[in-house]
C-alpha atoms as a PDB file:
ATOM      1  CA  UNK A   1       0.128  -0.055   0.067  1.00  0.00           C
ATOM      2  CA  UNK A   2       2.917   2.142   0.559  1.00  0.00           C
ATOM      3  CA  UNK A   3       3.887   1.994  -2.919  1.00  0.00           C
ATOM      4  CA  UNK A   4       0.288   3.291  -4.119  1.00  0.00           C
ATOM      5  CA  UNK A   5       0.459   6.452  -1.640  1.00  0.00           C
ATOM      6  CA  UNK A   6       3.869   7.055  -2.784  1.00  0.00           C
ATOM      7  CA  UNK A   7       2.798   7.372  -6.187  1.00  0.00           C
ATOM      8  CA  UNK A   8      -0.334   9.311  -5.745  1.00  0.00           C
ATOM      9  CA  UNK A   9       1.416  11.790  -3.548  1.00  0.00           C
ATOM     10  CA  UNK A  10       4.122  12.002  -6.130  1.00  0.00           C
ATOM     11  CA  UNK A  11       2.094  12.687  -8.943  1.00  0.00           C
ATOM     12  CA  UNK A  12       0.069  15.319  -6.776  1.00  0.00           C
ATOM     13  CA  UNK A  13       3.648  17.196  -5.837  1.00  0.00           C
ATOM     14  CA  UNK A  14       5.038  17.117  -9.125  1.00  0.00           C
ATOM     15  CA  UNK A  15       1.592  18.542 -10.624  1.00  0.00           C
ATOM     16  CA  UNK A  16       1.849  21.119  -8.277  1.00  0.00           C
ATOM     17  CA  UNK A  17       5.289  21.902  -8.714  1.00  0.00           C
ATOM     18  CA  UNK A  18       4.818  22.018 -12.560  1.00  0.00           C
ATOM     19  CA  UNK A  19       2.251  24.477 -12.113  1.00  0.00           C
ATOM     20  CA  UNK A  20       4.299  26.492  -9.943  1.00  0.00           C
ATOM     21  CA  UNK A  21       7.292  26.493 -12.695  1.00  0.00           C
ATOM     22  CA  UNK A  22       4.734  26.852 -15.538  1.00  0.00           C
ATOM     23  CA  UNK A  23       5.954  23.894 -17.019  1.00  0.00           C
ATOM     24  CA  UNK A  24       2.213  21.926 -16.977  1.00  0.00           C
ATOM     25  CA  UNK A  25       1.659  22.168 -20.808  1.00  0.00           C
ATOM     26  CA  UNK A  26       4.837  20.387 -21.599  1.00  0.00           C
ATOM     27  CA  UNK A  27       4.442  17.429 -18.736  1.00  0.00           C
ATOM     28  CA  UNK A  28       1.932  14.436 -18.764  1.00  0.00           C
ATOM     29  CA  UNK A  29       0.845  12.317 -15.833  1.00  0.00           C
ATOM     30  CA  UNK A  30       4.130   9.940 -16.059  1.00  0.00           C
ATOM     31  CA  UNK A  31       6.473  12.832 -16.178  1.00  0.00           C
ATOM     32  CA  UNK A  32       4.325  14.776 -13.075  1.00  0.00           C
ATOM     33  CA  UNK A  33       4.616  11.207 -11.325  1.00  0.00           C
ATOM     34  CA  UNK A  34       8.357  10.628 -11.830  1.00  0.00           C
ATOM     35  CA  UNK A  35       9.125  14.408 -10.970  1.00  0.00           C
ATOM     36  CA  UNK A  36       6.961  14.433  -7.808  1.00  0.00           C
ATOM     37  CA  UNK A  37       9.190  11.075  -6.721  1.00  0.00           C
ATOM     38  CA  UNK A  38      12.382  12.198  -7.493  1.00  0.00           C
ATOM     39  CA  UNK A  39      11.774  15.266  -6.096  1.00  0.00           C
ATOM     40  CA  UNK A  40      10.811  14.040  -2.971  1.00  0.00           C
ATOM     41  CA  UNK A  41      14.055  12.268  -2.661  1.00  0.00           C
ATOM     42  CA  UNK A  42      15.650  15.638  -3.343  1.00  0.00           C
ATOM     43  CA  UNK A  43      13.537  17.349  -0.804  1.00  0.00           C
ATOM     44  CA  UNK A  44      14.120  14.858   1.902  1.00  0.00           C
ATOM     45  CA  UNK A  45      17.957  14.973   1.223  1.00  0.00           C
ATOM     46  CA  UNK A  46      17.728  18.613   1.793  1.00  0.00           C
ATOM     47  CA  UNK A  47      15.348  18.987   4.598  1.00  0.00           C
ATOM     48  CA  UNK A  48      16.790  16.085   6.490  1.00  0.00           C
ATOM     49  CA  UNK A  49      20.357  17.920   7.125  1.00  0.00           C
ATOM     50  CA  UNK A  50      19.445  21.679   6.830  1.00  0.00           C
ATOM     51  CA  UNK A  51      15.840  21.455   8.742  1.00  0.00           C
ATOM     52  CA  UNK A  52      16.177  18.472  11.055  1.00  0.00           C
ATOM     53  CA  UNK A  53      12.800  17.324   9.128  1.00  0.00           C
ATOM     54  CA  UNK A  54      12.021  14.010   7.774  1.00  0.00           C
ATOM     55  CA  UNK A  55       8.949  13.364   5.552  1.00  0.00           C
ATOM     56  CA  UNK A  56       7.895  10.333   3.718  1.00  0.00           C
ATOM     57  CA  UNK A  57       5.393   9.731   0.936  1.00  0.00           C
ATOM     58  CA  UNK A  58       4.780   6.368   1.753  1.00  0.00           C
ATOM     59  CA  UNK A  59       2.721   7.196   4.684  1.00  0.00           C
ATOM     60  CA  UNK A  60       0.581  10.020   4.050  1.00  0.00           C
ATOM     61  CA  UNK A  61       1.704  13.508   5.953  1.00  0.00           C
ATOM     62  CA  UNK A  62       1.228  17.298   5.050  1.00  0.00           C
ATOM     63  CA  UNK A  63       5.211  17.476   6.022  1.00  0.00           C
ATOM     64  CA  UNK A  64       6.074  14.821   3.514  1.00  0.00           C
ATOM     65  CA  UNK A  65       3.673  16.467   0.666  1.00  0.00           C
ATOM     66  CA  UNK A  66       5.326  19.881   1.384  1.00  0.00           C
ATOM     67  CA  UNK A  67       8.885  18.390   0.813  1.00  0.00           C
ATOM     68  CA  UNK A  68       8.170  16.532  -1.969  1.00  0.00           C
ATOM     69  CA  UNK A  69       6.678  19.505  -3.513  1.00  0.00           C
ATOM     70  CA  UNK A  70       9.757  21.995  -2.535  1.00  0.00           C
ATOM     71  CA  UNK A  71      12.102  18.847  -4.163  1.00  0.00           C
ATOM     72  CA  UNK A  72      10.120  18.909  -7.320  1.00  0.00           C
ATOM     73  CA  UNK A  73      10.048  22.695  -7.509  1.00  0.00           C
ATOM     74  CA  UNK A  74      14.301  22.653  -7.070  1.00  0.00           C
ATOM     75  CA  UNK A  75      14.148  19.605  -9.600  1.00  0.00           C
ATOM     76  CA  UNK A  76      12.202  21.546 -12.224  1.00  0.00           C
ATOM     77  CA  UNK A  77      14.266  24.531 -11.690  1.00  0.00           C
ATOM     78  CA  UNK A  78      17.366  22.540 -12.184  1.00  0.00           C
ATOM     79  CA  UNK A  79      15.714  21.070 -15.741  1.00  0.00           C
ATOM     80  CA  UNK A  80      14.920  24.848 -16.408  1.00  0.00           C
ATOM     81  CA  UNK A  81      18.576  25.837 -16.061  1.00  0.00           C
ATOM     82  CA  UNK A  82      19.677  23.228 -18.193  1.00  0.00           C
ATOM     83  CA  UNK A  83      17.226  23.369 -21.031  1.00  0.00           C
ATOM     84  CA  UNK A  84      16.727  27.191 -21.328  1.00  0.00           C
ATOM     85  CA  UNK A  85      19.845  28.306 -19.284  1.00  0.00           C
ATOM     86  CA  UNK A  86      17.529  30.472 -16.992  1.00  0.00           C
ATOM     87  CA  UNK A  87      14.590  29.820 -14.150  1.00  0.00           C
ATOM     88  CA  UNK A  88      11.555  30.797 -15.018  1.00  0.00           C
END
């Protein structure tokens, strides 16, 4: 059941991050899920040492969702830098 929650939360996080970064038109459902899940990993890697916060998407929590969204935004900003040379 944890993987299903991770996929759903990853999809929501990726979709919200793509809306914030104005990339929603160029991304599909699968890309949103991938960005959200990878963003969750990035967010947990950054939030753990910096803030002392541990969030996970395998058991739903608001903290985990916010960390996943923040990580997905960081990931999309890096992708924007690589593709366009600037962050929108």
